Amino acid sequence: MPASSRLSIGVHALVMLDDPEAGPVTSTEIAGSVNTNPVVIRRVLARLAQAGLVAGGTGAAGGYRLARPATEITLWDVYQALREEGPFALHPRAPNARCPVGRQILPHLLDVYGAAESAMKQVLGTTTVRSLRKKLSAAS
């Protein structure tokens, strides 16, 4: 699953968990909202749990809940928990050093990609799960 899909699913799940009137939410309930398989949700939630963003319980009263206040969870936190590597992957093989482009391209790509990731961090880092929840509530 692409990182962007994981991010969207993770944010969707966290916004669902930020409901003060609901108790723990099951992966089946989240999957119904996302319109995907509960196994996909459990994989994403497992990574969010490893990052300390959600906690899960088993049994009849099982389900997931936020492990931290929604006001303290940014989309950058979610992105960091779910990323495999940076948003821009380099080719797994080194470019051809005999090529005038190949021997020079990597440091320039890394500079551009680093700047782009910094901009992304600035936007995602200032958006919290709670701020998204409030936007949904206002739109209802």
N, C-alpha and C. Protein backbone atom coordinates (compact mmCIF):
# COMPACT_ATOMS: atom_id res chain seq x y z
N MET A 1 0.85 -1.17 0.00
CA MET A 1 0.00 0.00 0.00
C MET A 1 0.90 1.23 0.00
N PRO A 2 0.65 2.18 -0.88
CA PRO A 2 1.47 3.39 -0.94
C PRO A 2 1.40 4.18 0.37
N ALA A 3 2.48 4.87 0.67
CA ALA A 3 2.53 5.65 1.91
C ALA A 3 1.39 6.66 1.98
N SER A 4 1.02 7.26 0.85
CA SER A 4 -0.06 8.25 0.87
C SER A 4 -1.37 7.61 1.29
N SER A 5 -1.61 6.36 0.88
CA SER A 5 -2.82 5.66 1.30
C SER A 5 -2.77 5.37 2.79
N ARG A 6 -1.63 4.93 3.27
CA ARG A 6 -1.49 4.66 4.71
C ARG A 6 -1.75 5.93 5.50
N LEU A 7 -1.21 7.04 5.04
CA LEU A 7 -1.41 8.31 5.75
C LEU A 7 -2.89 8.67 5.78
N SER A 8 -3.55 8.57 4.66
CA SER A 8 -4.97 8.90 4.60
C SER A 8 -5.79 7.99 5.50
N ILE A 9 -5.49 6.70 5.47
CA ILE A 9 -6.20 5.75 6.32
C ILE A 9 -5.91 6.02 7.79
N GLY A 10 -4.65 6.27 8.11
CA GLY A 10 -4.28 6.55 9.50
C GLY A 10 -4.96 7.79 10.04
N VAL A 11 -4.97 8.86 9.26
CA VAL A 11 -5.62 10.09 9.70
C VAL A 11 -7.12 9.86 9.85
N HIS A 12 -7.72 9.18 8.90
CA HIS A 12 -9.15 8.87 8.96
C HIS A 12 -9.47 8.14 10.26
N ALA A 13 -8.68 7.11 10.56
CA ALA A 13 -8.90 6.32 11.78
C ALA A 13 -8.75 7.19 13.03
N LEU A 14 -7.72 8.00 13.08
CA LEU A 14 -7.49 8.82 14.27
C LEU A 14 -8.60 9.84 14.48
N VAL A 15 -9.10 10.41 13.40
CA VAL A 15 -10.21 11.35 13.54
C VAL A 15 -11.45 10.62 14.06
N MET A 16 -11.67 9.39 13.61
CA MET A 16 -12.79 8.61 14.16
C MET A 16 -12.60 8.34 15.65
N LEU A 17 -11.37 8.08 16.06
CA LEU A 17 -11.09 7.79 17.47
C LEU A 17 -11.22 9.03 18.36
N ASP A 18 -11.17 10.21 17.74
CA ASP A 18 -11.31 11.45 18.50
C ASP A 18 -12.78 11.83 18.64
N ASP A 19 -13.53 10.93 19.23
CA ASP A 19 -14.95 11.17 19.49
C ASP A 19 -15.16 10.96 20.99
N PRO A 20 -15.33 12.05 21.72
CA PRO A 20 -15.43 11.94 23.18
C PRO A 20 -16.64 11.12 23.64
N GLU A 21 -17.66 10.97 22.80
CA GLU A 21 -18.85 10.24 23.19
C GLU A 21 -18.75 8.75 22.89
N ALA A 22 -17.79 8.36 22.08
CA ALA A 22 -17.64 6.95 21.71
C ALA A 22 -16.61 6.28 22.61
N GLY A 23 -16.79 5.02 22.82
CA GLY A 23 -15.78 4.24 23.54
C GLY A 23 -14.76 3.75 22.53
N PRO A 24 -14.10 2.67 22.85
CA PRO A 24 -13.15 2.11 21.89
C PRO A 24 -13.85 1.77 20.57
N VAL A 25 -13.15 1.97 19.47
CA VAL A 25 -13.69 1.75 18.13
C VAL A 25 -12.98 0.55 17.53
N THR A 26 -13.73 -0.37 16.94
CA THR A 26 -13.13 -1.59 16.38
C THR A 26 -12.58 -1.32 14.98
N SER A 27 -11.68 -2.21 14.57
CA SER A 27 -11.14 -2.10 13.22
C SER A 27 -12.23 -2.31 12.17
N THR A 28 -13.23 -3.10 12.50
CA THR A 28 -14.35 -3.31 11.57
C THR A 28 -15.15 -2.02 11.37
N GLU A 29 -15.36 -1.28 12.46
CA GLU A 29 -16.08 0.00 12.35
C GLU A 29 -15.28 1.00 11.52
N ILE A 30 -13.99 1.06 11.79
CA ILE A 30 -13.14 1.99 11.03
C ILE A 30 -13.10 1.57 9.56
N ALA A 31 -12.97 0.28 9.31
CA ALA A 31 -12.93 -0.23 7.94
C ALA A 31 -14.21 0.12 7.19
N GLY A 32 -15.34 0.07 7.87
CA GLY A 32 -16.60 0.45 7.24
C GLY A 32 -16.61 1.90 6.81
N SER A 33 -16.02 2.76 7.60
CA SER A 33 -15.96 4.18 7.25
C SER A 33 -14.96 4.44 6.13
N VAL A 34 -13.81 3.78 6.21
CA VAL A 34 -12.76 3.96 5.19
C VAL A 34 -13.14 3.25 3.89
N ASN A 35 -14.00 2.23 4.01
CA ASN A 35 -14.40 1.39 2.89
C ASN A 35 -13.24 0.50 2.44
N THR A 36 -12.68 -0.21 3.42
CA THR A 36 -11.59 -1.15 3.15
C THR A 36 -11.74 -2.35 4.07
N ASN A 37 -10.82 -3.25 3.98
CA ASN A 37 -10.83 -4.47 4.79
C ASN A 37 -10.29 -4.17 6.19
N PRO A 38 -10.87 -4.76 7.24
CA PRO A 38 -10.38 -4.54 8.60
C PRO A 38 -8.91 -4.94 8.78
N VAL A 39 -8.41 -5.88 8.00
CA VAL A 39 -7.00 -6.27 8.10
C VAL A 39 -6.10 -5.08 7.74
N VAL A 40 -6.50 -4.33 6.73
CA VAL A 40 -5.73 -3.13 6.33
C VAL A 40 -5.70 -2.14 7.49
N ILE A 41 -6.84 -1.96 8.12
CA ILE A 41 -6.93 -1.04 9.25
C ILE A 41 -6.06 -1.51 10.40
N ARG A 42 -6.11 -2.80 10.70
CA ARG A 42 -5.30 -3.32 11.82
C ARG A 42 -3.81 -3.13 11.56
N ARG A 43 -3.38 -3.30 10.32
CA ARG A 43 -1.95 -3.08 9.99
C ARG A 43 -1.55 -1.63 10.23
N VAL A 44 -2.38 -0.72 9.79
CA VAL A 44 -2.10 0.71 9.99
C VAL A 44 -2.13 1.05 11.49
N LEU A 45 -3.14 0.55 12.19
CA LEU A 45 -3.26 0.84 13.62
C LEU A 45 -2.11 0.23 14.42
N ALA A 46 -1.60 -0.90 13.97
CA ALA A 46 -0.45 -1.50 14.66
C ALA A 46 0.76 -0.57 14.59
N ARG A 47 0.96 0.05 13.45
CA ARG A 47 2.09 0.99 13.33
C ARG A 47 1.84 2.25 14.15
N LEU A 48 0.60 2.69 14.19
CA LEU A 48 0.27 3.86 15.01
C LEU A 48 0.43 3.53 16.50
N ALA A 49 0.13 2.30 16.87
CA ALA A 49 0.32 1.88 18.27
C ALA A 49 1.81 1.84 18.62
N GLN A 50 2.63 1.35 17.72
CA GLN A 50 4.08 1.33 17.96
C GLN A 50 4.62 2.73 18.16
N ALA A 51 4.01 3.70 17.51
CA ALA A 51 4.44 5.10 17.65
C ALA A 51 3.81 5.79 18.86
N GLY A 52 2.97 5.06 19.60
CA GLY A 52 2.35 5.64 20.79
C GLY A 52 1.18 6.56 20.50
N LEU A 53 0.57 6.43 19.32
CA LEU A 53 -0.55 7.29 18.97
C LEU A 53 -1.90 6.67 19.30
N VAL A 54 -1.99 5.34 19.26
CA VAL A 54 -3.23 4.64 19.61
C VAL A 54 -2.92 3.51 20.57
N ALA A 55 -3.96 3.07 21.25
CA ALA A 55 -3.87 1.89 22.11
C ALA A 55 -5.05 1.01 21.74
N GLY A 56 -4.83 -0.28 21.77
CA GLY A 56 -5.89 -1.21 21.40
C GLY A 56 -6.16 -2.21 22.48
N GLY A 57 -7.39 -2.68 22.52
CA GLY A 57 -7.78 -3.70 23.48
C GLY A 57 -8.44 -4.85 22.76
N THR A 58 -8.44 -6.01 23.38
CA THR A 58 -9.07 -7.18 22.78
C THR A 58 -10.26 -7.61 23.62
N GLY A 59 -11.00 -8.56 23.13
CA GLY A 59 -12.14 -9.08 23.87
C GLY A 59 -13.43 -8.37 23.49
N ALA A 60 -14.47 -8.65 24.26
CA ALA A 60 -15.80 -8.13 23.96
C ALA A 60 -15.85 -6.60 23.96
N ALA A 61 -15.10 -5.99 24.86
CA ALA A 61 -15.09 -4.53 24.94
C ALA A 61 -13.87 -3.95 24.22
N GLY A 62 -13.27 -4.74 23.34
CA GLY A 62 -12.05 -4.31 22.66
C GLY A 62 -12.29 -3.24 21.63
N GLY A 63 -11.22 -2.72 21.16
CA GLY A 63 -11.25 -1.66 20.17
C GLY A 63 -10.05 -0.77 20.37
N TYR A 64 -10.02 0.29 19.63
CA TYR A 64 -8.90 1.22 19.67
C TYR A 64 -9.35 2.55 20.23
N ARG A 65 -8.38 3.23 20.83
CA ARG A 65 -8.61 4.59 21.34
C ARG A 65 -7.32 5.36 21.15
N LEU A 66 -7.40 6.67 21.25
CA LEU A 66 -6.19 7.49 21.16
C LEU A 66 -5.34 7.29 22.40
N ALA A 67 -4.05 7.21 22.22
CA ALA A 67 -3.13 7.06 23.35
C ALA A 67 -2.65 8.42 23.86
N ARG A 68 -2.86 9.45 23.07
CA ARG A 68 -2.51 10.82 23.45
C ARG A 68 -3.68 11.72 23.09
N PRO A 69 -3.77 12.89 23.69
CA PRO A 69 -4.85 13.80 23.31
C PRO A 69 -4.75 14.17 21.82
N ALA A 70 -5.90 14.29 21.18
CA ALA A 70 -5.95 14.61 19.75
C ALA A 70 -5.34 15.98 19.45
N THR A 71 -5.32 16.84 20.44
CA THR A 71 -4.70 18.16 20.25
C THR A 71 -3.18 18.08 20.18
N GLU A 72 -2.63 16.94 20.59
CA GLU A 72 -1.17 16.76 20.59
C GLU A 72 -0.69 15.83 19.48
N ILE A 73 -1.59 15.32 18.66
CA ILE A 73 -1.20 14.43 17.56
C ILE A 73 -1.29 15.21 16.26
N THR A 74 -0.14 15.44 15.64
CA THR A 74 -0.14 16.14 14.36
C THR A 74 -0.12 15.14 13.20
N LEU A 75 -0.46 15.63 12.05
CA LEU A 75 -0.40 14.77 10.86
C LEU A 75 1.04 14.39 10.55
N TRP A 76 1.99 15.21 10.96
CA TRP A 76 3.39 14.85 10.79
C TRP A 76 3.73 13.63 11.66
N ASP A 77 3.18 13.57 12.87
CA ASP A 77 3.37 12.40 13.73
C ASP A 77 2.85 11.15 13.03
N VAL A 78 1.69 11.27 12.42
CA VAL A 78 1.08 10.14 11.72
C VAL A 78 1.94 9.74 10.54
N TYR A 79 2.37 10.72 9.78
CA TYR A 79 3.23 10.46 8.62
C TYR A 79 4.50 9.73 9.06
N GLN A 80 5.13 10.22 10.12
CA GLN A 80 6.36 9.60 10.61
C GLN A 80 6.12 8.16 11.05
N ALA A 81 5.00 7.89 11.67
CA ALA A 81 4.68 6.55 12.15
C ALA A 81 4.45 5.57 11.00
N LEU A 82 3.96 6.08 9.88
CA LEU A 82 3.54 5.20 8.79
C LEU A 82 4.50 5.17 7.60
N ARG A 83 5.49 6.02 7.59
CA ARG A 83 6.37 6.09 6.42
C ARG A 83 7.32 4.90 6.36
N GLU A 84 7.61 4.50 5.17
CA GLU A 84 8.60 3.45 4.95
C GLU A 84 9.97 4.09 4.74
N GLU A 85 9.98 5.14 3.96
CA GLU A 85 11.18 5.93 3.69
C GLU A 85 10.69 7.32 3.41
N GLY A 86 11.52 8.19 2.92
CA GLY A 86 11.09 9.56 2.63
C GLY A 86 10.01 9.59 1.58
N PRO A 87 9.41 10.74 1.39
CA PRO A 87 8.33 10.84 0.41
C PRO A 87 8.81 10.66 -1.03
N PHE A 88 10.10 10.83 -1.23
CA PHE A 88 10.67 10.71 -2.57
C PHE A 88 11.75 9.66 -2.55
N ALA A 89 11.52 8.59 -3.25
CA ALA A 89 12.49 7.50 -3.27
C ALA A 89 13.46 7.68 -4.43
N LEU A 90 14.70 7.34 -4.16
CA LEU A 90 15.70 7.31 -5.21
C LEU A 90 15.71 5.92 -5.84
N HIS A 91 16.20 5.85 -7.03
CA HIS A 91 16.33 4.56 -7.69
C HIS A 91 17.28 3.70 -6.87
N PRO A 92 17.02 2.40 -6.74
CA PRO A 92 17.87 1.57 -5.88
C PRO A 92 19.31 1.41 -6.38
N ARG A 93 19.55 1.64 -7.63
CA ARG A 93 20.92 1.56 -8.16
C ARG A 93 21.50 2.96 -8.34
N ALA A 94 22.78 3.06 -8.14
CA ALA A 94 23.46 4.35 -8.35
C ALA A 94 23.43 4.71 -9.84
N PRO A 95 23.28 5.99 -10.15
CA PRO A 95 23.30 6.41 -11.55
C PRO A 95 24.65 6.10 -12.20
N ASN A 96 24.65 6.09 -13.50
CA ASN A 96 25.86 5.84 -14.28
C ASN A 96 26.84 7.00 -14.09
N ALA A 97 27.97 6.72 -13.49
CA ALA A 97 28.97 7.75 -13.20
C ALA A 97 29.64 8.28 -14.47
N ARG A 98 29.52 7.57 -15.58
CA ARG A 98 30.12 8.04 -16.84
C ARG A 98 29.20 9.02 -17.57
N CYS A 99 27.96 9.10 -17.13
CA CYS A 99 27.00 10.00 -17.75
C CYS A 99 27.13 11.38 -17.10
N PRO A 100 27.14 12.47 -17.89
CA PRO A 100 27.27 13.80 -17.29
C PRO A 100 26.11 14.15 -16.34
N VAL A 101 24.94 13.63 -16.60
CA VAL A 101 23.81 13.86 -15.68
C VAL A 101 23.92 12.90 -14.49
N GLY A 102 24.15 11.63 -14.78
CA GLY A 102 24.20 10.60 -13.75
C GLY A 102 25.21 10.89 -12.66
N ARG A 103 26.36 11.41 -13.02
CA ARG A 103 27.39 11.64 -12.00
C ARG A 103 27.13 12.86 -11.13
N GLN A 104 26.14 13.68 -11.49
CA GLN A 104 25.89 14.90 -10.74
C GLN A 104 24.50 15.01 -10.11
N ILE A 105 23.59 14.16 -10.53
CA ILE A 105 22.18 14.36 -10.18
C ILE A 105 21.83 14.14 -8.71
N LEU A 106 22.42 13.14 -8.07
CA LEU A 106 21.98 12.77 -6.71
C LEU A 106 22.03 13.90 -5.68
N PRO A 107 23.13 14.62 -5.54
CA PRO A 107 23.12 15.67 -4.51
C PRO A 107 22.07 16.75 -4.78
N HIS A 108 21.81 17.02 -6.05
CA HIS A 108 20.82 18.04 -6.38
C HIS A 108 19.40 17.54 -6.08
N LEU A 109 19.15 16.28 -6.41
CA LEU A 109 17.85 15.69 -6.07
C LEU A 109 17.64 15.68 -4.56
N LEU A 110 18.67 15.30 -3.83
CA LEU A 110 18.55 15.24 -2.37
C LEU A 110 18.27 16.62 -1.77
N ASP A 111 18.87 17.66 -2.32
CA ASP A 111 18.59 19.03 -1.86
C ASP A 111 17.13 19.40 -2.09
N VAL A 112 16.66 19.14 -3.30
CA VAL A 112 15.27 19.48 -3.64
C VAL A 112 14.30 18.66 -2.80
N TYR A 113 14.56 17.37 -2.69
CA TYR A 113 13.68 16.50 -1.91
C TYR A 113 13.68 16.89 -0.44
N GLY A 114 14.83 17.28 0.08
CA GLY A 114 14.91 17.72 1.47
C GLY A 114 14.08 18.97 1.71
N ALA A 115 14.16 19.92 0.78
CA ALA A 115 13.37 21.15 0.90
C ALA A 115 11.88 20.85 0.82
N ALA A 116 11.50 19.95 -0.07
CA ALA A 116 10.08 19.58 -0.21
C ALA A 116 9.58 18.90 1.06
N GLU A 117 10.39 18.02 1.63
CA GLU A 117 9.97 17.35 2.85
C GLU A 117 9.87 18.34 4.01
N SER A 118 10.74 19.32 4.05
CA SER A 118 10.66 20.35 5.09
C SER A 118 9.36 21.14 4.99
N ALA A 119 8.97 21.46 3.76
CA ALA A 119 7.71 22.19 3.56
C ALA A 119 6.53 21.32 3.97
N MET A 120 6.59 20.04 3.64
CA MET A 120 5.53 19.12 4.02
C MET A 120 5.45 19.02 5.54
N LYS A 121 6.60 18.95 6.19
CA LYS A 121 6.62 18.86 7.66
C LYS A 121 5.99 20.10 8.29
N GLN A 122 6.24 21.25 7.69
CA GLN A 122 5.69 22.49 8.24
C GLN A 122 4.16 22.46 8.18
N VAL A 123 3.59 22.00 7.10
CA VAL A 123 2.14 21.95 6.97
C VAL A 123 1.54 20.85 7.84
N LEU A 124 2.07 19.63 7.72
CA LEU A 124 1.53 18.52 8.49
C LEU A 124 1.76 18.70 9.99
N GLY A 125 2.86 19.34 10.34
CA GLY A 125 3.19 19.54 11.75
C GLY A 125 2.33 20.57 12.46
N THR A 126 1.60 21.36 11.70
CA THR A 126 0.72 22.36 12.32
C THR A 126 -0.76 21.96 12.23
N THR A 127 -1.02 20.78 11.71
CA THR A 127 -2.39 20.28 11.61
C THR A 127 -2.55 19.13 12.59
N THR A 128 -3.48 19.26 13.51
CA THR A 128 -3.70 18.20 14.50
C THR A 128 -4.95 17.38 14.14
N VAL A 129 -5.03 16.21 14.75
CA VAL A 129 -6.21 15.37 14.59
C VAL A 129 -7.44 16.14 15.06
N ARG A 130 -7.32 16.86 16.17
CA ARG A 130 -8.46 17.62 16.69
C ARG A 130 -8.89 18.72 15.72
N SER A 131 -7.93 19.40 15.08
CA SER A 131 -8.33 20.46 14.15
C SER A 131 -9.10 19.89 12.97
N LEU A 132 -8.74 18.69 12.52
CA LEU A 132 -9.52 18.06 11.45
C LEU A 132 -10.92 17.67 11.96
N ARG A 133 -10.97 17.13 13.17
CA ARG A 133 -12.26 16.74 13.75
C ARG A 133 -13.18 17.95 13.84
N LYS A 134 -12.64 19.09 14.23
CA LYS A 134 -13.45 20.31 14.34
C LYS A 134 -13.96 20.74 12.96
N LYS A 135 -13.15 20.58 11.94
CA LYS A 135 -13.60 20.93 10.58
C LYS A 135 -14.75 20.03 10.15
N LEU A 136 -14.68 18.74 10.51
CA LEU A 136 -15.78 17.83 10.17
C LEU A 136 -17.05 18.21 10.92
N SER A 137 -16.89 18.57 12.18
CA SER A 137 -18.05 18.94 13.00
C SER A 137 -18.69 20.21 12.47
N ALA A 138 -17.87 21.14 12.02
CA ALA A 138 -18.39 22.41 11.50
C ALA A 138 -19.11 22.21 10.18
N ALA A 139 -18.68 21.22 9.41
CA ALA A 139 -19.28 20.97 8.10
C ALA A 139 -20.60 20.21 8.21
N SER A 140 -20.88 19.62 9.37
CA SER A 140 -22.11 18.81 9.54
C SER A 140 -23.34 19.66 9.66
